[in-house]
Amino acid sequence: MMTQTISAFSIRPMLAFVVAQLTGQLRNWRTSATTLFAPLMLLFVFTVVGEDGEGAALVPFVVGFTVMFSGQTMAQILITWRNNRIFTRLSATPTPTSHLIVGTVITQLLLFLVQALLVMLASLVLHDLSFDVLDLMAIMGVILVGTTPFLSYGALVAAFVNKTETAGIVYTFTLIPMVFLGGSLFTIPGLGEFGRYLPTNLLTDLIRPYFGFGEPDAIPFSVVLLLAYSVVITGLATIFFKTDR
């Protein structure tokens, strides 16, 4: 009974922090609207410029691309907190720093799940795609798995970069090559075998079967590798990230 009470008491500040972050995001509605609806514009562009069927085939990529940039937001948040000495101030309170990090991860997961959901709902309108409630729940699950390595990578970027602007550039200019090398949009001759193991391609392959593209047999393979990426990158971020500089 004592253990359950302590656990509930320790989790309460973390959940309160998640609510506070979500409330802050809603108050800054212009930034939130831009973040949430930017992938819809990408989906619309692919729909307009693509030939028959091409736009629908790119919906899984747009859903995956939406959550790939979760790591950029994570990196900028961690750098801002470090520069403002939030971690140092928090060390003087009973709340562990880990609760702050976990709360931020939960917040980002929720926000990018909403983004992905908006893209999927838009695909029902723009394309002849359909999925039932079970498919929707499965997609939400695989997106949760697929987002974690990118959040971890954002924390790793924050370990070596001191400015939020620089973090955005570093993250973008390392992610985009992975997108193209991984074959999420098209396959580069000679790089097919190498690219299929990149997290960007694994995430897209994980989502494709639920939209009627790709092979369902690839799902377990992609899940295992994405979780492995998450563990390794999180370990590196834990080693190199410093809460003060």
Foldseek 3Di string as FASTA:
>chain_A
DVVVVVVVVLLVVLVVLLVVVVVVLVVVVVVLCCLQCVLVVVLVVQLVPPDPPRSLLCLLLSLLVSLLCLLLVLLLVLLVCLVVVVQVVCVVDPHDPVSVSVSVLVNSLVSSLSSSVVSVVVCVVSHVWDADPVLNVQLSVLSNLLNLLSNLVSLLLSLPDNHSVVSNVVSVVVVVVLLQLLQSPHHDPPSPVVSVLRSSNLSSQLSSVSRVDHDPVSNVVSSVSSVVSNVVSNVNSVVRHDSYD
